[in-house]
Each structure stands twice: as C-alpha cells, then as structure tokens.
Amino acid sequence: MPKTISAEKAARTAERKRLRKKSLKSATKTHLTGAVKLIGANQLEEAQKAVAAAISALDRDVKKGVIHPNTAARRKSRLMRKLNQAKIAGAPSGKGGKA
C-alpha cells in the first residue's frame, strides 16, 4: 500500500492509465493476430490489407504513448518479414520449367 498521499495519487493515476491502455493494446493485438492468420492461410490479398491495418494500429499506439516506438518498429518488421516471405513462397518460379 502507498504510504504517502502523493504515492496514493500516483497509484490511482497509474491504474486509470492501465485501464485506458488495456483496450488499445488488445485491439492492436487483435489486428496483429488476424494479419498473421491470413498470412498463414496464404490469403495474401486480404493479408496485405490486414497488415496495413495492423501497422496503422501500432503507429496509433505509439502516438498515444501506449507502447514504446522500438516495440512497434520490431513488431512491424516481423509482420512485414512474414508477409514478404509468404509472397516469395507463393510466387510462381520464373524459370519456365514444369512445376
């Protein structure tokens, strides 16, 4: 338990911020999960849109101070890497031979 009045106020403030950030973090995680599932299902058209929405959500969270900028950059990088690998794996080979 907080011992001083200022510590009590800080605890109340932290709890309000935690509850406000909780829904934003949850929505962002939902966007990320949906994008990863679409990439895994090899639905690249829909995955492209979902990745854009997830990146937008991450940027919005950074702007609002919900997550650290480096965390958002790391998650965006991982997401784009998965999407690009799926595109490469799904692309037909250009060698003209039999598949």
PDB file of N, CA and C in Angstrom:
ATOM      1  N   MET A   1       0.829  -1.181   0.000  1.00  0.00           N
ATOM      2  CA  MET A   1       0.000   0.000   0.000  1.00  0.00           C
ATOM      3  C   MET A   1       0.880   1.254   0.000  1.00  0.00           C
ATOM      4  N   PRO A   2       0.430   2.270  -0.692  1.00  0.00           N
ATOM      5  CA  PRO A   2       1.190   3.534  -0.702  1.00  0.00           C
ATOM      6  C   PRO A   2       1.208   4.167   0.687  1.00  0.00           C
ATOM      7  N   LYS A   3       2.326   4.771   1.026  1.00  0.00           N
ATOM      8  CA  LYS A   3       2.476   5.358   2.359  1.00  0.00           C
ATOM      9  C   LYS A   3       2.179   6.846   2.383  1.00  0.00           C
ATOM     10  N   THR A   4       2.340   7.520   1.275  1.00  0.00           N
ATOM     11  CA  THR A   4       2.138   8.967   1.264  1.00  0.00           C
ATOM     12  C   THR A   4       0.954   9.323   0.368  1.00  0.00           C
ATOM     13  N   ILE A   5       0.490  10.534   0.526  1.00  0.00           N
ATOM     14  CA  ILE A   5      -0.640  10.992  -0.277  1.00  0.00           C
ATOM     15  C   ILE A   5      -0.258  11.044  -1.751  1.00  0.00           C
ATOM     16  N   SER A   6       0.939  11.498  -2.041  1.00  0.00           N
ATOM     17  CA  SER A   6       1.362  11.585  -3.440  1.00  0.00           C
ATOM     18  C   SER A   6       1.504  10.191  -4.049  1.00  0.00           C
ATOM     19  N   ALA A   7       1.931   9.219  -3.257  1.00  0.00           N
ATOM     20  CA  ALA A   7       2.045   7.850  -3.761  1.00  0.00           C
ATOM     21  C   ALA A   7       0.663   7.258  -4.027  1.00  0.00           C
ATOM     22  N   GLU A   8      -0.304   7.597  -3.187  1.00  0.00           N
ATOM     23  CA  GLU A   8      -1.672   7.135  -3.411  1.00  0.00           C
ATOM     24  C   GLU A   8      -2.221   7.706  -4.718  1.00  0.00           C
ATOM     25  N   LYS A   9      -1.971   8.990  -4.951  1.00  0.00           N
ATOM     26  CA  LYS A   9      -2.437   9.623  -6.178  1.00  0.00           C
ATOM     27  C   LYS A   9      -1.753   8.998  -7.388  1.00  0.00           C
ATOM     28  N   ALA A  10      -0.458   8.740  -7.266  1.00  0.00           N
ATOM     29  CA  ALA A  10       0.274   8.120  -8.376  1.00  0.00           C
ATOM     30  C   ALA A  10      -0.299   6.738  -8.682  1.00  0.00           C
ATOM     31  N   ALA A  11      -0.673   6.002  -7.644  1.00  0.00           N
ATOM     32  CA  ALA A  11      -1.256   4.677  -7.846  1.00  0.00           C
ATOM     33  C   ALA A  11      -2.606   4.781  -8.559  1.00  0.00           C
ATOM     34  N   ARG A  12      -3.423   5.748  -8.181  1.00  0.00           N
ATOM     35  CA  ARG A  12      -4.717   5.939  -8.842  1.00  0.00           C
ATOM     36  C   ARG A  12      -4.516   6.320 -10.305  1.00  0.00           C
ATOM     37  N   THR A  13      -3.574   7.209 -10.547  1.00  0.00           N
ATOM     38  CA  THR A  13      -3.289   7.654 -11.913  1.00  0.00           C
ATOM     39  C   THR A  13      -2.794   6.488 -12.767  1.00  0.00           C
ATOM     40  N   ALA A  14      -1.912   5.692 -12.204  1.00  0.00           N
ATOM     41  CA  ALA A  14      -1.366   4.548 -12.936  1.00  0.00           C
ATOM     42  C   ALA A  14      -2.469   3.552 -13.277  1.00  0.00           C
ATOM     43  N   GLU A  15      -3.395   3.355 -12.362  1.00  0.00           N
ATOM     44  CA  GLU A  15      -4.491   2.418 -12.617  1.00  0.00           C
ATOM     45  C   GLU A  15      -5.402   2.937 -13.730  1.00  0.00           C
ATOM     46  N   ARG A  16      -5.696   4.226 -13.731  1.00  0.00           N
ATOM     47  CA  ARG A  16      -6.516   4.801 -14.801  1.00  0.00           C
ATOM     48  C   ARG A  16      -5.826   4.642 -16.158  1.00  0.00           C
ATOM     49  N   LYS A  17      -4.526   4.925 -16.192  1.00  0.00           N
ATOM     50  CA  LYS A  17      -3.785   4.788 -17.444  1.00  0.00           C
ATOM     51  C   LYS A  17      -3.742   3.343 -17.906  1.00  0.00           C
ATOM     52  N   ARG A  18      -3.572   2.414 -16.963  1.00  0.00           N
ATOM     53  CA  ARG A  18      -3.512   0.992 -17.299  1.00  0.00           C
ATOM     54  C   ARG A  18      -4.819   0.542 -17.947  1.00  0.00           C
ATOM     55  N   LEU A  19      -5.941   0.966 -17.374  1.00  0.00           N
ATOM     56  CA  LEU A  19      -7.228   0.578 -17.927  1.00  0.00           C
ATOM     57  C   LEU A  19      -7.470   1.213 -19.297  1.00  0.00           C
ATOM     58  N   ARG A  20      -7.024   2.445 -19.486  1.00  0.00           N
ATOM     59  CA  ARG A  20      -7.191   3.120 -20.770  1.00  0.00           C
ATOM     60  C   ARG A  20      -6.340   2.441 -21.842  1.00  0.00           C
ATOM     61  N   LYS A  21      -5.125   2.076 -21.486  1.00  0.00           N
ATOM     62  CA  LYS A  21      -4.211   1.466 -22.451  1.00  0.00           C
ATOM     63  C   LYS A  21      -4.591   0.021 -22.767  1.00  0.00           C
ATOM     64  N   LYS A  22      -5.280  -0.643 -21.844  1.00  0.00           N
ATOM     65  CA  LYS A  22      -5.594  -2.060 -21.995  1.00  0.00           C
ATOM     66  C   LYS A  22      -6.398  -2.328 -23.262  1.00  0.00           C
ATOM     67  N   SER A  23      -7.437  -1.537 -23.502  1.00  0.00           N
ATOM     68  CA  SER A  23      -8.277  -1.762 -24.673  1.00  0.00           C
ATOM     69  C   SER A  23      -7.520  -1.455 -25.966  1.00  0.00           C
ATOM     70  N   LEU A  24      -6.667  -0.447 -25.933  1.00  0.00           N
ATOM     71  CA  LEU A  24      -5.891  -0.113 -27.131  1.00  0.00           C
ATOM     72  C   LEU A  24      -4.904  -1.222 -27.467  1.00  0.00           C
ATOM     73  N   LYS A  25      -4.224  -1.743 -26.438  1.00  0.00           N
ATOM     74  CA  LYS A  25      -3.280  -2.842 -26.663  1.00  0.00           C
ATOM     75  C   LYS A  25      -4.004  -4.082 -27.182  1.00  0.00           C
ATOM     76  N   SER A  26      -5.168  -4.358 -26.610  1.00  0.00           N
ATOM     77  CA  SER A  26      -5.933  -5.526 -27.020  1.00  0.00           C
ATOM     78  C   SER A  26      -6.356  -5.425 -28.483  1.00  0.00           C
ATOM     79  N   ALA A  27      -6.827  -4.268 -28.884  1.00  0.00           N
ATOM     80  CA  ALA A  27      -7.248  -4.078 -30.277  1.00  0.00           C
ATOM     81  C   ALA A  27      -6.067  -4.239 -31.228  1.00  0.00           C
ATOM     82  N   THR A  28      -4.917  -3.728 -30.838  1.00  0.00           N
ATOM     83  CA  THR A  28      -3.728  -3.854 -31.681  1.00  0.00           C
ATOM     84  C   THR A  28      -3.315  -5.314 -31.804  1.00  0.00           C
ATOM     85  N   LYS A  29      -3.352  -6.047 -30.694  1.00  0.00           N
ATOM     86  CA  LYS A  29      -3.005  -7.470 -30.739  1.00  0.00           C
ATOM     87  C   LYS A  29      -3.973  -8.226 -31.639  1.00  0.00           C
ATOM     88  N   THR A  30      -5.249  -7.845 -31.616  1.00  0.00           N
ATOM     89  CA  THR A  30      -6.243  -8.488 -32.477  1.00  0.00           C
ATOM     90  C   THR A  30      -5.904  -8.249 -33.947  1.00  0.00           C
ATOM     91  N   HIS A  31      -5.517  -7.029 -34.285  1.00  0.00           N
ATOM     92  CA  HIS A  31      -5.111  -6.726 -35.664  1.00  0.00           C
ATOM     93  C   HIS A  31      -3.901  -7.566 -36.071  1.00  0.00           C
ATOM     94  N   LEU A  32      -2.914  -7.650 -35.186  1.00  0.00           N
ATOM     95  CA  LEU A  32      -1.697  -8.415 -35.494  1.00  0.00           C
ATOM     96  C   LEU A  32      -2.019  -9.895 -35.689  1.00  0.00           C
ATOM     97  N   THR A  33      -2.831 -10.448 -34.799  1.00  0.00           N
ATOM     98  CA  THR A  33      -3.167 -11.865 -34.888  1.00  0.00           C
ATOM     99  C   THR A  33      -3.928 -12.169 -36.169  1.00  0.00           C
ATOM    100  N   GLY A  34      -4.871 -11.299 -36.513  1.00  0.00           N
ATOM    101  CA  GLY A  34      -5.626 -11.504 -37.742  1.00  0.00           C
ATOM    102  C   GLY A  34      -4.742 -11.473 -38.968  1.00  0.00           C
ATOM    103  N   ALA A  35      -3.793 -10.558 -38.989  1.00  0.00           N
ATOM    104  CA  ALA A  35      -2.882 -10.464 -40.129  1.00  0.00           C
ATOM    105  C   ALA A  35      -2.016 -11.717 -40.234  1.00  0.00           C
ATOM    106  N   VAL A  36      -1.513 -12.189 -39.109  1.00  0.00           N
ATOM    107  CA  VAL A  36      -0.658 -13.387 -39.122  1.00  0.00           C
ATOM    108  C   VAL A  36      -1.454 -14.602 -39.572  1.00  0.00           C
ATOM    109  N   LYS A  37      -2.708 -14.713 -39.137  1.00  0.00           N
ATOM    110  CA  LYS A  37      -3.534 -15.855 -39.546  1.00  0.00           C
ATOM    111  C   LYS A  37      -3.807 -15.830 -41.050  1.00  0.00           C
ATOM    112  N   LEU A  38      -4.060 -14.643 -41.594  1.00  0.00           N
ATOM    113  CA  LEU A  38      -4.286 -14.546 -43.039  1.00  0.00           C
ATOM    114  C   LEU A  38      -3.024 -14.887 -43.823  1.00  0.00           C
ATOM    115  N   ILE A  39      -1.878 -14.474 -43.303  1.00  0.00           N
ATOM    116  CA  ILE A  39      -0.612 -14.823 -43.961  1.00  0.00           C
ATOM    117  C   ILE A  39      -0.417 -16.332 -43.928  1.00  0.00           C
ATOM    118  N   GLY A  40      -0.707 -16.946 -42.780  1.00  0.00           N
ATOM    119  CA  GLY A  40      -0.565 -18.394 -42.652  1.00  0.00           C
ATOM    120  C   GLY A  40      -1.529 -19.158 -43.548  1.00  0.00           C
ATOM    121  N   ALA A  41      -2.709 -18.591 -43.770  1.00  0.00           N
ATOM    122  CA  ALA A  41      -3.702 -19.229 -44.637  1.00  0.00           C
ATOM    123  C   ALA A  41      -3.420 -18.947 -46.114  1.00  0.00           C
ATOM    124  N   ASN A  42      -2.377 -18.183 -46.385  1.00  0.00           N
ATOM    125  CA  ASN A  42      -1.941 -17.862 -47.746  1.00  0.00           C
ATOM    126  C   ASN A  42      -2.993 -17.060 -48.509  1.00  0.00           C
ATOM    127  N   GLN A  43      -3.729 -16.219 -47.787  1.00  0.00           N
ATOM    128  CA  GLN A  43      -4.684 -15.299 -48.420  1.00  0.00           C
ATOM    129  C   GLN A  43      -4.003 -13.938 -48.484  1.00  0.00           C
ATOM    130  N   LEU A  44      -3.143 -13.788 -49.471  1.00  0.00           N
ATOM    131  CA  LEU A  44      -2.231 -12.654 -49.494  1.00  0.00           C
ATOM    132  C   LEU A  44      -2.919 -11.326 -49.799  1.00  0.00           C
ATOM    133  N   GLU A  45      -4.008 -11.349 -50.560  1.00  0.00           N
ATOM    134  CA  GLU A  45      -4.721 -10.099 -50.844  1.00  0.00           C
ATOM    135  C   GLU A  45      -5.298  -9.518 -49.552  1.00  0.00           C
ATOM    136  N   GLU A  46      -6.013 -10.366 -48.803  1.00  0.00           N
ATOM    137  CA  GLU A  46      -6.600  -9.918 -47.546  1.00  0.00           C
ATOM    138  C   GLU A  46      -5.515  -9.642 -46.510  1.00  0.00           C
ATOM    139  N   ALA A  47      -4.452 -10.426 -46.548  1.00  0.00           N
ATOM    140  CA  ALA A  47      -3.354 -10.257 -45.594  1.00  0.00           C
ATOM    141  C   ALA A  47      -2.696  -8.888 -45.781  1.00  0.00           C
ATOM    142  N   GLN A  48      -2.581  -8.455 -47.025  1.00  0.00           N
ATOM    143  CA  GLN A  48      -1.977  -7.145 -47.303  1.00  0.00           C
ATOM    144  C   GLN A  48      -2.775  -6.029 -46.623  1.00  0.00           C
ATOM    145  N   LYS A  49      -4.102  -6.107 -46.702  1.00  0.00           N
ATOM    146  CA  LYS A  49      -4.963  -5.111 -46.065  1.00  0.00           C
ATOM    147  C   LYS A  49      -4.881  -5.218 -44.537  1.00  0.00           C
ATOM    148  N   ALA A  50      -4.840  -6.443 -44.038  1.00  0.00           N
ATOM    149  CA  ALA A  50      -4.768  -6.649 -42.598  1.00  0.00           C
ATOM    150  C   ALA A  50      -3.440  -6.159 -42.033  1.00  0.00           C
ATOM    151  N   VAL A  51      -2.374  -6.350 -42.769  1.00  0.00           N
ATOM    152  CA  VAL A  51      -1.057  -5.868 -42.337  1.00  0.00           C
ATOM    153  C   VAL A  51      -1.059  -4.342 -42.287  1.00  0.00           C
ATOM    154  N   ALA A  52      -1.659  -3.716 -43.274  1.00  0.00           N
ATOM    155  CA  ALA A  52      -1.733  -2.253 -43.277  1.00  0.00           C
ATOM    156  C   ALA A  52      -2.520  -1.750 -42.065  1.00  0.00           C
ATOM    157  N   ALA A  53      -3.616  -2.432 -41.732  1.00  0.00           N
ATOM    158  CA  ALA A  53      -4.413  -2.046 -40.568  1.00  0.00           C
ATOM    159  C   ALA A  53      -3.625  -2.258 -39.272  1.00  0.00           C
ATOM    160  N   ALA A  54      -2.872  -3.345 -39.202  1.00  0.00           N
ATOM    161  CA  ALA A  54      -2.081  -3.632 -38.005  1.00  0.00           C
ATOM    162  C   ALA A  54      -0.968  -2.589 -37.828  1.00  0.00           C
ATOM    163  N   ILE A  55      -0.321  -2.227 -38.907  1.00  0.00           N
ATOM    164  CA  ILE A  55       0.740  -1.217 -38.838  1.00  0.00           C
ATOM    165  C   ILE A  55       0.159   0.123 -38.412  1.00  0.00           C
ATOM    166  N   SER A  56      -1.010   0.446 -38.934  1.00  0.00           N
ATOM    167  CA  SER A  56      -1.674   1.685 -38.550  1.00  0.00           C
ATOM    168  C   SER A  56      -2.009   1.678 -37.061  1.00  0.00           C
ATOM    169  N   ALA A  57      -2.480   0.545 -36.558  1.00  0.00           N
ATOM    170  CA  ALA A  57      -2.807   0.429 -35.130  1.00  0.00           C
ATOM    171  C   ALA A  57      -1.553   0.580 -34.272  1.00  0.00           C
ATOM    172  N   LEU A  58      -0.459  -0.008 -34.711  1.00  0.00           N
ATOM    173  CA  LEU A  58       0.799   0.120 -33.963  1.00  0.00           C
ATOM    174  C   LEU A  58       1.262   1.575 -33.929  1.00  0.00           C
ATOM    175  N   ASP A  59       1.190   2.239 -35.073  1.00  0.00           N
ATOM    176  CA  ASP A  59       1.597   3.642 -35.127  1.00  0.00           C
ATOM    177  C   ASP A  59       0.710   4.516 -34.237  1.00  0.00           C
ATOM    178  N   ARG A  60      -0.571   4.209 -34.217  1.00  0.00           N
ATOM    179  CA  ARG A  60      -1.505   4.967 -33.385  1.00  0.00           C
ATOM    180  C   ARG A  60      -1.179   4.769 -31.901  1.00  0.00           C
ATOM    181  N   ASP A  61      -0.834   3.535 -31.521  1.00  0.00           N
ATOM    182  CA  ASP A  61      -0.478   3.266 -30.127  1.00  0.00           C
ATOM    183  C   ASP A  61       0.795   3.996 -29.726  1.00  0.00           C
ATOM    184  N   VAL A  62       1.750   4.083 -30.635  1.00  0.00           N
ATOM    185  CA  VAL A  62       2.982   4.824 -30.342  1.00  0.00           C
ATOM    186  C   VAL A  62       2.666   6.297 -30.140  1.00  0.00           C
ATOM    187  N   LYS A  63       1.822   6.830 -31.011  1.00  0.00           N
ATOM    188  CA  LYS A  63       1.459   8.240 -30.930  1.00  0.00           C
ATOM    189  C   LYS A  63       0.774   8.559 -29.604  1.00  0.00           C
ATOM    190  N   LYS A  64      -0.026   7.612 -29.109  1.00  0.00           N
ATOM    191  CA  LYS A  64      -0.748   7.826 -27.859  1.00  0.00           C
ATOM    192  C   LYS A  64       0.074   7.449 -26.627  1.00  0.00           C
ATOM    193  N   GLY A  65       1.258   6.925 -26.841  1.00  0.00           N
ATOM    194  CA  GLY A  65       2.121   6.576 -25.724  1.00  0.00           C
ATOM    195  C   GLY A  65       1.792   5.250 -25.077  1.00  0.00           C
ATOM    196  N   VAL A  66       1.083   4.398 -25.785  1.00  0.00           N
ATOM    197  CA  VAL A  66       0.686   3.106 -25.227  1.00  0.00           C
ATOM    198  C   VAL A  66       1.848   2.119 -25.264  1.00  0.00           C
ATOM    199  N   ILE A  67       2.602   2.116 -26.357  1.00  0.00           N
ATOM    200  CA  ILE A  67       3.759   1.227 -26.471  1.00  0.00           C
ATOM    201  C   ILE A  67       4.979   2.043 -26.876  1.00  0.00           C
ATOM    202  N   HIS A  68       6.137   1.472 -26.649  1.00  0.00           N
ATOM    203  CA  HIS A  68       7.400   2.127 -26.975  1.00  0.00           C
ATOM    204  C   HIS A  68       7.606   2.099 -28.494  1.00  0.00           C
ATOM    205  N   PRO A  69       8.179   3.138 -29.055  1.00  0.00           N
ATOM    206  CA  PRO A  69       8.400   3.173 -30.518  1.00  0.00           C
ATOM    207  C   PRO A  69       9.227   2.002 -31.039  1.00  0.00           C
ATOM    208  N   ASN A  70      10.223   1.578 -30.290  1.00  0.00           N
ATOM    209  CA  ASN A  70      11.044   0.458 -30.751  1.00  0.00           C
ATOM    210  C   ASN A  70      10.252  -0.847 -30.768  1.00  0.00           C
ATOM    211  N   THR A  71       9.328  -1.001 -29.832  1.00  0.00           N
ATOM    212  CA  THR A  71       8.476  -2.186 -29.808  1.00  0.00           C
ATOM    213  C   THR A  71       7.607  -2.225 -31.055  1.00  0.00           C
ATOM    214  N   ALA A  72       7.035  -1.094 -31.410  1.00  0.00           N
ATOM    215  CA  ALA A  72       6.207  -1.024 -32.616  1.00  0.00           C
ATOM    216  C   ALA A  72       7.045  -1.309 -33.857  1.00  0.00           C
ATOM    217  N   ALA A  73       8.237  -0.755 -33.919  1.00  0.00           N
ATOM    218  CA  ALA A  73       9.103  -0.980 -35.072  1.00  0.00           C
ATOM    219  C   ALA A  73       9.465  -2.461 -35.199  1.00  0.00           C
ATOM    220  N   ARG A  74       9.746  -3.093 -34.083  1.00  0.00           N
ATOM    221  CA  ARG A  74      10.091  -4.519 -34.094  1.00  0.00           C
ATOM    222  C   ARG A  74       8.913  -5.356 -34.585  1.00  0.00           C
ATOM    223  N   ARG A  75       7.725  -5.069 -34.074  1.00  0.00           N
ATOM    224  CA  ARG A  75       6.544  -5.836 -34.471  1.00  0.00           C
ATOM    225  C   ARG A  75       6.198  -5.610 -35.941  1.00  0.00           C
ATOM    226  N   LYS A  76       6.334  -4.385 -36.411  1.00  0.00           N
ATOM    227  CA  LYS A  76       6.076  -4.097 -37.824  1.00  0.00           C
ATOM    228  C   LYS A  76       7.076  -4.833 -38.703  1.00  0.00           C
ATOM    229  N   SER A  77       8.320  -4.851 -38.284  1.00  0.00           N
ATOM    230  CA  SER A  77       9.362  -5.524 -39.060  1.00  0.00           C
ATOM    231  C   SER A  77       9.081  -7.017 -39.162  1.00  0.00           C
ATOM    232  N   ARG A  78       8.720  -7.619 -38.053  1.00  0.00           N
ATOM    233  CA  ARG A  78       8.432  -9.059 -38.052  1.00  0.00           C
ATOM    234  C   ARG A  78       7.226  -9.376 -38.930  1.00  0.00           C
ATOM    235  N   LEU A  79       6.212  -8.517 -38.843  1.00  0.00           N
ATOM    236  CA  LEU A  79       4.998  -8.730 -39.629  1.00  0.00           C
ATOM    237  C   LEU A  79       5.286  -8.611 -41.121  1.00  0.00           C
ATOM    238  N   MET A  80       6.032  -7.584 -41.507  1.00  0.00           N
ATOM    239  CA  MET A  80       6.363  -7.407 -42.920  1.00  0.00           C
ATOM    240  C   MET A  80       7.262  -8.533 -43.428  1.00  0.00           C
ATOM    241  N   ARG A  81       8.158  -9.008 -42.567  1.00  0.00           N
ATOM    242  CA  ARG A  81       9.020 -10.111 -42.976  1.00  0.00           C
ATOM    243  C   ARG A  81       8.189 -11.364 -43.263  1.00  0.00           C
ATOM    244  N   LYS A  82       7.191 -11.640 -42.417  1.00  0.00           N
ATOM    245  CA  LYS A  82       6.319 -12.795 -42.648  1.00  0.00           C
ATOM    246  C   LYS A  82       5.538 -12.635 -43.946  1.00  0.00           C
ATOM    247  N   LEU A  83       5.016 -11.440 -44.173  1.00  0.00           N
ATOM    248  CA  LEU A  83       4.242 -11.201 -45.391  1.00  0.00           C
ATOM    249  C   LEU A  83       5.116 -11.361 -46.631  1.00  0.00           C
ATOM    250  N   ASN A  84       6.309 -10.793 -46.609  1.00  0.00           N
ATOM    251  CA  ASN A  84       7.197 -10.883 -47.770  1.00  0.00           C
ATOM    252  C   ASN A  84       7.653 -12.309 -48.021  1.00  0.00           C
ATOM    253  N   GLN A  85       7.905 -13.080 -46.962  1.00  0.00           N
ATOM    254  CA  GLN A  85       8.291 -14.475 -47.152  1.00  0.00           C
ATOM    255  C   GLN A  85       7.137 -15.281 -47.745  1.00  0.00           C
ATOM    256  N   ALA A  86       5.917 -14.962 -47.315  1.00  0.00           N
ATOM    257  CA  ALA A  86       4.753 -15.663 -47.861  1.00  0.00           C
ATOM    258  C   ALA A  86       4.568 -15.318 -49.336  1.00  0.00           C
ATOM    259  N   LYS A  87       4.833 -14.063 -49.697  1.00  0.00           N
ATOM    260  CA  LYS A  87       4.721 -13.668 -51.102  1.00  0.00           C
ATOM    261  C   LYS A  87       5.752 -14.393 -51.950  1.00  0.00           C
ATOM    262  N   ILE A  88       6.971 -14.502 -51.422  1.00  0.00           N
ATOM    263  CA  ILE A  88       8.038 -15.187 -52.171  1.00  0.00           C
ATOM    264  C   ILE A  88       7.704 -16.668 -52.309  1.00  0.00           C
ATOM    265  N   ALA A  89       7.215 -17.287 -51.249  1.00  0.00           N
ATOM    266  CA  ALA A  89       6.885 -18.707 -51.277  1.00  0.00           C
ATOM    267  C   ALA A  89       5.705 -18.993 -52.203  1.00  0.00           C
ATOM    268  N   GLY A  90       4.761 -18.050 -52.283  1.00  0.00           N
ATOM    269  CA  GLY A  90       3.587 -18.246 -53.106  1.00  0.00           C
ATOM    270  C   GLY A  90       3.759 -17.839 -54.547  1.00  0.00           C
ATOM    271  N   ALA A  91       4.842 -17.133 -54.853  1.00  0.00           N
ATOM    272  CA  ALA A  91       5.057 -16.661 -56.209  1.00  0.00           C
ATOM    273  C   ALA A  91       5.529 -17.820 -57.092  1.00  0.00           C
ATOM    274  N   PRO A  92       5.018 -17.880 -58.312  1.00  0.00           N
ATOM    275  CA  PRO A  92       5.497 -18.930 -59.216  1.00  0.00           C
ATOM    276  C   PRO A  92       6.927 -18.667 -59.631  1.00  0.00           C
ATOM    277  N   SER A  93       7.676 -19.742 -59.813  1.00  0.00           N
ATOM    278  CA  SER A  93       9.068 -19.562 -60.217  1.00  0.00           C
ATOM    279  C   SER A  93       9.103 -19.101 -61.670  1.00  0.00           C
ATOM    280  N   GLY A  94      10.023 -18.206 -61.976  1.00  0.00           N
ATOM    281  CA  GLY A  94      10.094 -17.615 -63.316  1.00  0.00           C
ATOM    282  C   GLY A  94      11.038 -18.348 -64.244  1.00  0.00           C
ATOM    283  N   LYS A  95      11.309 -19.625 -63.984  1.00  0.00           N
ATOM    284  CA  LYS A  95      12.288 -20.356 -64.785  1.00  0.00           C
ATOM    285  C   LYS A  95      11.658 -21.010 -66.025  1.00  0.00           C
ATOM    286  N   GLY A  96      10.335 -21.074 -66.074  1.00  0.00           N
ATOM    287  CA  GLY A  96       9.678 -21.601 -67.265  1.00  0.00           C
ATOM    288  C   GLY A  96       9.644 -23.127 -67.307  1.00  0.00           C
ATOM    289  N   GLY A  97      10.141 -23.798 -66.310  1.00  0.00           N
ATOM    290  CA  GLY A  97      10.119 -25.251 -66.289  1.00  0.00           C
ATOM    291  C   GLY A  97       8.795 -25.754 -65.765  1.00  0.00           C
ATOM    292  N   LYS A  98       8.696 -27.080 -65.670  1.00  0.00           N
ATOM    293  CA  LYS A  98       7.475 -27.683 -65.150  1.00  0.00           C
ATOM    294  C   LYS A  98       7.443 -27.500 -63.639  1.00  0.00           C
ATOM    295  N   ALA A  99       6.245 -27.288 -63.131  1.00  0.00           N
ATOM    296  CA  ALA A  99       6.106 -27.057 -61.698  1.00  0.00           C
ATOM    297  C   ALA A  99       5.997 -28.318 -60.907  1.00  0.00           C
TER     298      ALA A  99
END
